[in-house]
Amino acid sequence: MAKILVADDEQLIRQLVCDFLGEAGHTTVEAADGAQAIAQFQKNPDIALVLLDIMMPEKDGWEVTREIRAQSDVPIILLSARSQEFDQLTGFEAGADEYVTKPFSPVVLVKRVEALLRRRSAESEQDIPVYWGLRVDTVAHEVKYNDTVLALTRKEYNILMKLLSAVGRVYTREQLLDDVWGIDYFGDTRTVDSHVARLRTKLGAWGDAHIKTVYGVGYKIQENENA
């Protein structure tokens, strides 16, 4: 189930929404004003959806929506007693996905939340590239093979992403060193070899089939439809 941020300065409404979401199996994080909403969102990177009241102290829901949207595409539902077309358009222009007017049915709100989560999940699945069975989620920085999440270090992940960025292209050890470690790094290129070796081992059969060493030059991803 999902973690959901509920931001509303009215405690009774906030508690009511959290109770119904909890009964549906979701976990909630609360905020009583716009500033708290931003702080909670930054503190909890696994928040899957945001419910925002518009008329809040510190920062209103429109401003919070714009700030969140500048750093994330997490689904956002605005809650408000303001039902004018102008208010709804302002919300959508700020980046909200849905606009729900008060008073609302908590049961219906939960259904809207879950429908939006399902839609976003389906969209995310379509956006995740798959390379011969290897799923690379660049948003979550997660690599899966045969439905198993691989425990890659940041360097290993970045090497894999660099090689996958141009399938078939050979990257020299020096290029990988500059791109992954940075141009100010003064280590030996053999560190690239050791990291690629560990990456290949973690990828198992996929690594053996697709990560190829070009002797005297570097590494590349090779297509192999039979892998």
C-alpha atoms as a PDB file:
ATOM      1  CA  MET A   1       0.000   0.000   0.000  1.00  0.00           C
ATOM      2  CA  ALA A   2       1.002   3.634  -0.408  1.00  0.00           C
ATOM      3  CA  LYS A   3       2.326   6.347   1.878  1.00  0.00           C
ATOM      4  CA  ILE A   4       0.185   9.472   1.494  1.00  0.00           C
ATOM      5  CA  LEU A   5       0.818  13.024   2.687  1.00  0.00           C
ATOM      6  CA  VAL A   6      -2.350  14.674   4.062  1.00  0.00           C
ATOM      7  CA  ALA A   7      -2.029  18.443   4.524  1.00  0.00           C
ATOM      8  CA  ASP A   8      -4.955  20.409   5.963  1.00  0.00           C
ATOM      9  CA  ASP A   9      -5.069  23.031   8.712  1.00  0.00           C
ATOM     10  CA  GLU A  10      -8.412  21.657   9.959  1.00  0.00           C
ATOM     11  CA  GLN A  11      -7.474  18.851  12.321  1.00  0.00           C
ATOM     12  CA  LEU A  12     -10.857  17.110  12.183  1.00  0.00           C
ATOM     13  CA  ILE A  13     -10.786  16.880   8.382  1.00  0.00           C
ATOM     14  CA  ARG A  14      -7.161  15.786   8.426  1.00  0.00           C
ATOM     15  CA  GLN A  15      -7.890  13.067  10.983  1.00  0.00           C
ATOM     16  CA  LEU A  16     -11.007  11.908   9.125  1.00  0.00           C
ATOM     17  CA  VAL A  17      -9.096  11.518   5.854  1.00  0.00           C
ATOM     18  CA  CYS A  18      -6.193   9.748   7.574  1.00  0.00           C
ATOM     19  CA  ASP A  19      -8.569   7.337   9.341  1.00  0.00           C
ATOM     20  CA  PHE A  20     -10.294   6.332   6.102  1.00  0.00           C
ATOM     21  CA  LEU A  21      -6.975   5.963   4.260  1.00  0.00           C
ATOM     22  CA  GLY A  22      -5.649   3.875   7.135  1.00  0.00           C
ATOM     23  CA  GLU A  23      -8.672   1.575   6.997  1.00  0.00           C
ATOM     24  CA  ALA A  24      -7.948   1.076   3.297  1.00  0.00           C
ATOM     25  CA  GLY A  25      -4.430  -0.082   4.187  1.00  0.00           C
ATOM     26  CA  HIS A  26      -2.463   3.068   3.429  1.00  0.00           C
ATOM     27  CA  THR A  27      -0.023   4.858   5.733  1.00  0.00           C
ATOM     28  CA  THR A  28      -0.280   8.615   6.192  1.00  0.00           C
ATOM     29  CA  VAL A  29       1.954  11.557   7.016  1.00  0.00           C
ATOM     30  CA  GLU A  30       0.244  14.698   8.327  1.00  0.00           C
ATOM     31  CA  ALA A  31       0.898  18.413   7.941  1.00  0.00           C
ATOM     32  CA  ALA A  32      -1.073  21.300   9.456  1.00  0.00           C
ATOM     33  CA  ASP A  33       0.170  24.021   7.107  1.00  0.00           C
ATOM     34  CA  GLY A  34       1.956  24.515   3.796  1.00  0.00           C
ATOM     35  CA  ALA A  35       5.443  24.806   5.268  1.00  0.00           C
ATOM     36  CA  GLN A  36       4.986  21.547   7.172  1.00  0.00           C
ATOM     37  CA  ALA A  37       3.728  19.906   3.982  1.00  0.00           C
ATOM     38  CA  ILE A  38       6.935  20.796   2.134  1.00  0.00           C
ATOM     39  CA  ALA A  39       9.066  19.650   5.081  1.00  0.00           C
ATOM     40  CA  GLN A  40       7.220  16.329   5.342  1.00  0.00           C
ATOM     41  CA  PHE A  41       7.475  15.738   1.607  1.00  0.00           C
ATOM     42  CA  GLN A  42      11.228  16.286   1.646  1.00  0.00           C
ATOM     43  CA  LYS A  43      11.616  14.137   4.757  1.00  0.00           C
ATOM     44  CA  ASN A  44       9.674  11.215   3.251  1.00  0.00           C
ATOM     45  CA  PRO A  45      10.944  10.461  -0.273  1.00  0.00           C
ATOM     46  CA  ASP A  46       8.658   7.418  -0.508  1.00  0.00           C
ATOM     47  CA  ILE A  47       5.438   9.467  -0.444  1.00  0.00           C
ATOM     48  CA  ALA A  48       3.302   8.150  -3.304  1.00  0.00           C
ATOM     49  CA  LEU A  49       0.521  10.750  -3.348  1.00  0.00           C
ATOM     50  CA  VAL A  50      -0.227  14.168  -1.808  1.00  0.00           C
ATOM     51  CA  LEU A  51      -3.603  15.459  -0.573  1.00  0.00           C
ATOM     52  CA  LEU A  52      -3.495  19.242  -0.128  1.00  0.00           C
ATOM     53  CA  ASP A  53      -5.990  21.721   1.243  1.00  0.00           C
ATOM     54  CA  ILE A  54      -5.737  25.029  -0.620  1.00  0.00           C
ATOM     55  CA  MET A  55      -6.383  27.545   2.156  1.00  0.00           C
ATOM     56  CA  MET A  56      -3.559  26.768   4.597  1.00  0.00           C
ATOM     57  CA  PRO A  57      -1.311  29.018   6.727  1.00  0.00           C
ATOM     58  CA  GLU A  58       2.327  29.702   5.812  1.00  0.00           C
ATOM     59  CA  LYS A  59       1.915  28.515   2.213  1.00  0.00           C
ATOM     60  CA  ASP A  60      -1.320  27.824   0.385  1.00  0.00           C
ATOM     61  CA  GLY A  61      -1.989  24.628  -1.534  1.00  0.00           C
ATOM     62  CA  TRP A  62      -1.234  26.223  -4.885  1.00  0.00           C
ATOM     63  CA  GLU A  63       2.242  27.298  -3.742  1.00  0.00           C
ATOM     64  CA  VAL A  64       2.930  23.907  -2.180  1.00  0.00           C
ATOM     65  CA  THR A  65       1.816  22.217  -5.405  1.00  0.00           C
ATOM     66  CA  ARG A  66       4.218  24.324  -7.455  1.00  0.00           C
ATOM     67  CA  GLU A  67       7.126  23.582  -5.097  1.00  0.00           C
ATOM     68  CA  ILE A  68       6.472  19.851  -5.070  1.00  0.00           C
ATOM     69  CA  ARG A  69       5.958  19.760  -8.826  1.00  0.00           C
ATOM     70  CA  ALA A  70       9.344  21.464  -9.338  1.00  0.00           C
ATOM     71  CA  GLN A  71      11.036  18.420  -7.824  1.00  0.00           C
ATOM     72  CA  SER A  72       8.649  15.507  -8.343  1.00  0.00           C
ATOM     73  CA  ASP A  73       5.818  14.178 -10.512  1.00  0.00           C
ATOM     74  CA  VAL A  74       4.063  12.570  -7.516  1.00  0.00           C
ATOM     75  CA  PRO A  75       0.255  12.666  -7.919  1.00  0.00           C
ATOM     76  CA  ILE A  76      -1.373  15.648  -6.158  1.00  0.00           C
ATOM     77  CA  ILE A  77      -5.055  16.042  -5.244  1.00  0.00           C
ATOM     78  CA  LEU A  78      -6.216  19.473  -4.105  1.00  0.00           C
ATOM     79  CA  LEU A  79      -9.019  19.732  -1.540  1.00  0.00           C
ATOM     80  CA  SER A  80     -10.951  22.977  -1.215  1.00  0.00           C
ATOM     81  CA  ALA A  81     -14.264  24.589  -0.380  1.00  0.00           C
ATOM     82  CA  ARG A  82     -13.549  26.940  -3.284  1.00  0.00           C
ATOM     83  CA  SER A  83     -15.455  25.587  -6.266  1.00  0.00           C
ATOM     84  CA  GLN A  84     -15.062  28.443  -8.751  1.00  0.00           C
ATOM     85  CA  GLU A  85     -13.667  27.589 -12.162  1.00  0.00           C
ATOM     86  CA  PHE A  86     -10.808  30.053 -11.631  1.00  0.00           C
ATOM     87  CA  ASP A  87      -9.682  28.207  -8.483  1.00  0.00           C
ATOM     88  CA  GLN A  88      -9.746  24.847 -10.218  1.00  0.00           C
ATOM     89  CA  LEU A  89      -7.836  26.156 -13.233  1.00  0.00           C
ATOM     90  CA  THR A  90      -5.237  27.696 -10.926  1.00  0.00           C
ATOM     91  CA  GLY A  91      -4.814  24.317  -9.261  1.00  0.00           C
ATOM     92  CA  PHE A  92      -4.369  22.455 -12.517  1.00  0.00           C
ATOM     93  CA  GLU A  93      -1.964  25.084 -13.849  1.00  0.00           C
ATOM     94  CA  ALA A  94       0.092  24.707 -10.670  1.00  0.00           C
ATOM     95  CA  GLY A  95       0.434  20.998 -11.458  1.00  0.00           C
ATOM     96  CA  ALA A  96      -2.372  19.268  -9.554  1.00  0.00           C
ATOM     97  CA  ASP A  97      -3.773  16.023 -10.962  1.00  0.00           C
ATOM     98  CA  GLU A  98      -7.251  16.294  -9.435  1.00  0.00           C
ATOM     99  CA  TYR A  99      -9.401  18.865  -7.628  1.00  0.00           C
ATOM    100  CA  VAL A 100     -11.971  17.784  -5.029  1.00  0.00           C
ATOM    101  CA  THR A 101     -14.406  20.278  -3.528  1.00  0.00           C
ATOM    102  CA  LYS A 102     -15.520  20.253   0.107  1.00  0.00           C
ATOM    103  CA  PRO A 103     -17.620  18.819   1.549  1.00  0.00           C
ATOM    104  CA  PHE A 104     -16.675  15.445   0.140  1.00  0.00           C
ATOM    105  CA  SER A 105     -17.335  11.804   0.916  1.00  0.00           C
ATOM    106  CA  PRO A 106     -14.251  10.230   2.551  1.00  0.00           C
ATOM    107  CA  VAL A 107     -15.151   6.894   0.949  1.00  0.00           C
ATOM    108  CA  VAL A 108     -15.277   8.443  -2.515  1.00  0.00           C
ATOM    109  CA  LEU A 109     -12.035  10.335  -1.819  1.00  0.00           C
ATOM    110  CA  VAL A 110     -10.266   7.067  -0.981  1.00  0.00           C
ATOM    111  CA  LYS A 111     -11.548   5.569  -4.243  1.00  0.00           C
ATOM    112  CA  ARG A 112     -10.221   8.612  -6.149  1.00  0.00           C
ATOM    113  CA  VAL A 113      -6.866   8.220  -4.423  1.00  0.00           C
ATOM    114  CA  GLU A 114      -6.589   4.546  -5.310  1.00  0.00           C
ATOM    115  CA  ALA A 115      -7.715   5.111  -8.903  1.00  0.00           C
ATOM    116  CA  LEU A 116      -5.035   7.778  -9.329  1.00  0.00           C
ATOM    117  CA  LEU A 117      -2.394   5.523  -7.754  1.00  0.00           C
ATOM    118  CA  ARG A 118      -3.338   2.673 -10.109  1.00  0.00           C
ATOM    119  CA  ARG A 119      -3.217   4.984 -13.121  1.00  0.00           C
ATOM    120  CA  ARG A 120       0.164   6.361 -12.132  1.00  0.00           C
ATOM    121  CA  SER A 121       1.502   2.880 -11.442  1.00  0.00           C
ATOM    122  CA  ALA A 122       0.415   1.720 -14.904  1.00  0.00           C
ATOM    123  CA  GLU A 123       2.044   4.765 -16.500  1.00  0.00           C
ATOM    124  CA  SER A 124       5.262   4.155 -14.566  1.00  0.00           C
ATOM    125  CA  GLU A 125       5.361   0.522 -15.652  1.00  0.00           C
ATOM    126  CA  GLN A 126       5.093   1.621 -19.278  1.00  0.00           C
ATOM    127  CA  ASP A 127       7.875   4.180 -18.820  1.00  0.00           C
ATOM    128  CA  ILE A 128      10.382   1.758 -17.278  1.00  0.00           C
ATOM    129  CA  PRO A 129      12.741   0.572 -20.007  1.00  0.00           C
ATOM    130  CA  VAL A 130      13.474  -3.131 -20.230  1.00  0.00           C
ATOM    131  CA  TYR A 131      16.724  -4.405 -21.739  1.00  0.00           C
ATOM    132  CA  TRP A 132      16.344  -8.125 -22.508  1.00  0.00           C
ATOM    133  CA  GLY A 133      14.603  -8.764 -19.182  1.00  0.00           C
ATOM    134  CA  LEU A 134      16.577  -6.209 -17.160  1.00  0.00           C
ATOM    135  CA  ARG A 135      14.223  -3.501 -15.813  1.00  0.00           C
ATOM    136  CA  VAL A 136      15.867  -0.164 -15.048  1.00  0.00           C
ATOM    137  CA  ASP A 137      13.751   2.262 -13.005  1.00  0.00           C
ATOM    138  CA  THR A 138      15.657   5.540 -13.262  1.00  0.00           C
ATOM    139  CA  VAL A 139      13.249   7.308 -10.894  1.00  0.00           C
ATOM    140  CA  ALA A 140      13.710   4.816  -8.053  1.00  0.00           C
ATOM    141  CA  HIS A 141      17.328   4.079  -9.074  1.00  0.00           C
ATOM    142  CA  GLU A 142      16.349   0.412  -9.028  1.00  0.00           C
ATOM    143  CA  VAL A 143      17.458  -2.431 -11.285  1.00  0.00           C
ATOM    144  CA  LYS A 144      15.494  -5.695 -11.397  1.00  0.00           C
ATOM    145  CA  TYR A 145      16.210  -8.961 -13.153  1.00  0.00           C
ATOM    146  CA  ASN A 146      13.855 -11.950 -12.982  1.00  0.00           C
ATOM    147  CA  ASP A 147      11.734  -9.914 -10.525  1.00  0.00           C
ATOM    148  CA  THR A 148      14.691  -9.600  -8.129  1.00  0.00           C
ATOM    149  CA  VAL A 149      15.988  -6.175  -7.121  1.00  0.00           C
ATOM    150  CA  LEU A 150      19.767  -6.092  -7.557  1.00  0.00           C
ATOM    151  CA  ALA A 151      21.860  -4.502  -4.805  1.00  0.00           C
ATOM    152  CA  LEU A 152      24.056  -2.252  -6.917  1.00  0.00           C
ATOM    153  CA  THR A 153      26.330   0.421  -5.494  1.00  0.00           C
ATOM    154  CA  ARG A 154      26.015   3.928  -6.879  1.00  0.00           C
ATOM    155  CA  LYS A 155      29.167   3.480  -8.975  1.00  0.00           C
ATOM    156  CA  GLU A 156      27.935   0.155 -10.373  1.00  0.00           C
ATOM    157  CA  TYR A 157      24.539   1.657 -11.176  1.00  0.00           C
ATOM    158  CA  ASN A 158      26.123   4.651 -12.917  1.00  0.00           C
ATOM    159  CA  ILE A 159      28.444   2.431 -14.968  1.00  0.00           C
ATOM    160  CA  LEU A 160      25.456   0.340 -16.072  1.00  0.00           C
ATOM    161  CA  MET A 161      23.462   3.452 -17.009  1.00  0.00           C
ATOM    162  CA  LYS A 162      26.375   4.842 -19.004  1.00  0.00           C
ATOM    163  CA  LEU A 163      26.797   1.624 -20.961  1.00  0.00           C
ATOM    164  CA  LEU A 164      23.047   1.326 -21.559  1.00  0.00           C
ATOM    165  CA  SER A 165      22.841   4.927 -22.810  1.00  0.00           C
ATOM    166  CA  ALA A 166      24.342   3.807 -26.123  1.00  0.00           C
ATOM    167  CA  VAL A 167      23.964   0.075 -26.704  1.00  0.00           C
ATOM    168  CA  GLY A 168      26.776  -1.228 -28.874  1.00  0.00           C
ATOM    169  CA  ARG A 169      29.067   1.745 -28.286  1.00  0.00           C
ATOM    170  CA  VAL A 170      32.437   1.036 -26.699  1.00  0.00           C
ATOM    171  CA  TYR A 171      33.321   3.234 -23.713  1.00  0.00           C
ATOM    172  CA  THR A 172      36.974   3.430 -22.808  1.00  0.00           C
ATOM    173  CA  ARG A 173      38.092   3.009 -19.225  1.00  0.00           C
ATOM    174  CA  GLU A 174      39.117   6.661 -19.209  1.00  0.00           C
ATOM    175  CA  GLN A 175      35.653   7.773 -20.358  1.00  0.00           C
ATOM    176  CA  LEU A 176      33.955   5.700 -17.670  1.00  0.00           C
ATOM    177  CA  LEU A 177      36.382   7.007 -15.078  1.00  0.00           C
ATOM    178  CA  ASP A 178      35.651  10.625 -16.038  1.00  0.00           C
ATOM    179  CA  ASP A 179      31.877  10.146 -16.284  1.00  0.00           C
ATOM    180  CA  VAL A 180      31.364   8.043 -13.157  1.00  0.00           C
ATOM    181  CA  TRP A 181      34.152   9.144 -10.819  1.00  0.00           C
ATOM    182  CA  GLY A 182      34.567  12.675 -12.166  1.00  0.00           C
ATOM    183  CA  ILE A 183      37.326  14.391 -14.101  1.00  0.00           C
ATOM    184  CA  ASP A 184      39.104  15.342 -10.867  1.00  0.00           C
ATOM    185  CA  TYR A 185      39.586  11.710  -9.866  1.00  0.00           C
ATOM    186  CA  PHE A 186      43.239  10.629 -10.019  1.00  0.00           C
ATOM    187  CA  GLY A 187      42.858   6.896  -9.424  1.00  0.00           C
ATOM    188  CA  ASP A 188      44.029   4.087 -11.688  1.00  0.00           C
ATOM    189  CA  THR A 189      41.780   2.883 -14.526  1.00  0.00           C
ATOM    190  CA  ARG A 190      41.986  -0.588 -13.000  1.00  0.00           C
ATOM    191  CA  THR A 191      39.325   0.544 -10.537  1.00  0.00           C
ATOM    192  CA  VAL A 192      36.940   0.592 -13.520  1.00  0.00           C
ATOM    193  CA  ASP A 193      37.799  -3.034 -14.248  1.00  0.00           C
ATOM    194  CA  SER A 194      37.105  -4.118 -10.666  1.00  0.00           C
ATOM    195  CA  HIS A 195      33.747  -2.296 -10.587  1.00  0.00           C
ATOM    196  CA  VAL A 196      32.670  -3.728 -13.950  1.00  0.00           C
ATOM    197  CA  ALA A 197      33.662  -7.207 -12.766  1.00  0.00           C
ATOM    198  CA  ARG A 198      31.485  -6.863  -9.651  1.00  0.00           C
ATOM    199  CA  LEU A 199      28.641  -5.415 -11.729  1.00  0.00           C
ATOM    200  CA  ARG A 200      28.817  -8.319 -14.163  1.00  0.00           C
ATOM    201  CA  THR A 201      28.785 -10.797 -11.269  1.00  0.00           C
ATOM    202  CA  LYS A 202      25.727  -9.178  -9.671  1.00  0.00           C
ATOM    203  CA  LEU A 203      23.891  -9.221 -13.009  1.00  0.00           C
ATOM    204  CA  GLY A 204      24.591 -12.943 -13.356  1.00  0.00           C
ATOM    205  CA  ALA A 205      23.603 -14.494 -16.675  1.00  0.00           C
ATOM    206  CA  TRP A 206      22.504 -11.076 -17.985  1.00  0.00           C
ATOM    207  CA  GLY A 207      25.919  -9.586 -17.252  1.00  0.00           C
ATOM    208  CA  ASP A 208      27.744 -12.456 -18.923  1.00  0.00           C
ATOM    209  CA  ALA A 209      25.554 -12.164 -22.015  1.00  0.00           C
ATOM    210  CA  HIS A 210      25.505  -8.392 -22.446  1.00  0.00           C
ATOM    211  CA  ILE A 211      28.487  -6.687 -20.777  1.00  0.00           C
ATOM    212  CA  LYS A 212      31.370  -7.290 -23.116  1.00  0.00           C
ATOM    213  CA  THR A 213      35.027  -6.424 -22.695  1.00  0.00           C
ATOM    214  CA  VAL A 214      36.721  -4.922 -25.743  1.00  0.00           C
ATOM    215  CA  TYR A 215      40.319  -5.806 -24.961  1.00  0.00           C
ATOM    216  CA  GLY A 216      42.705  -2.919 -24.926  1.00  0.00           C
ATOM    217  CA  VAL A 217      39.832  -0.423 -25.177  1.00  0.00           C
ATOM    218  CA  GLY A 218      36.981  -0.710 -22.671  1.00  0.00           C
ATOM    219  CA  TYR A 219      33.434  -2.028 -22.329  1.00  0.00           C
ATOM    220  CA  LYS A 220      30.130  -2.097 -24.160  1.00  0.00           C
ATOM    221  CA  ILE A 221      26.600  -3.476 -23.939  1.00  0.00           C
ATOM    222  CA  GLN A 222      26.025  -6.068 -26.625  1.00  0.00           C
ATOM    223  CA  GLU A 223      22.636  -7.156 -27.904  1.00  0.00           C
ATOM    224  CA  ASN A 224      21.971 -10.825 -27.451  1.00  0.00           C
ATOM    225  CA  GLU A 225      18.366 -11.801 -28.062  1.00  0.00           C
ATOM    226  CA  ASN A 226      19.052 -15.384 -26.943  1.00  0.00           C
ATOM    227  CA  ALA A 227      20.183 -14.339 -23.466  1.00  0.00           C
END
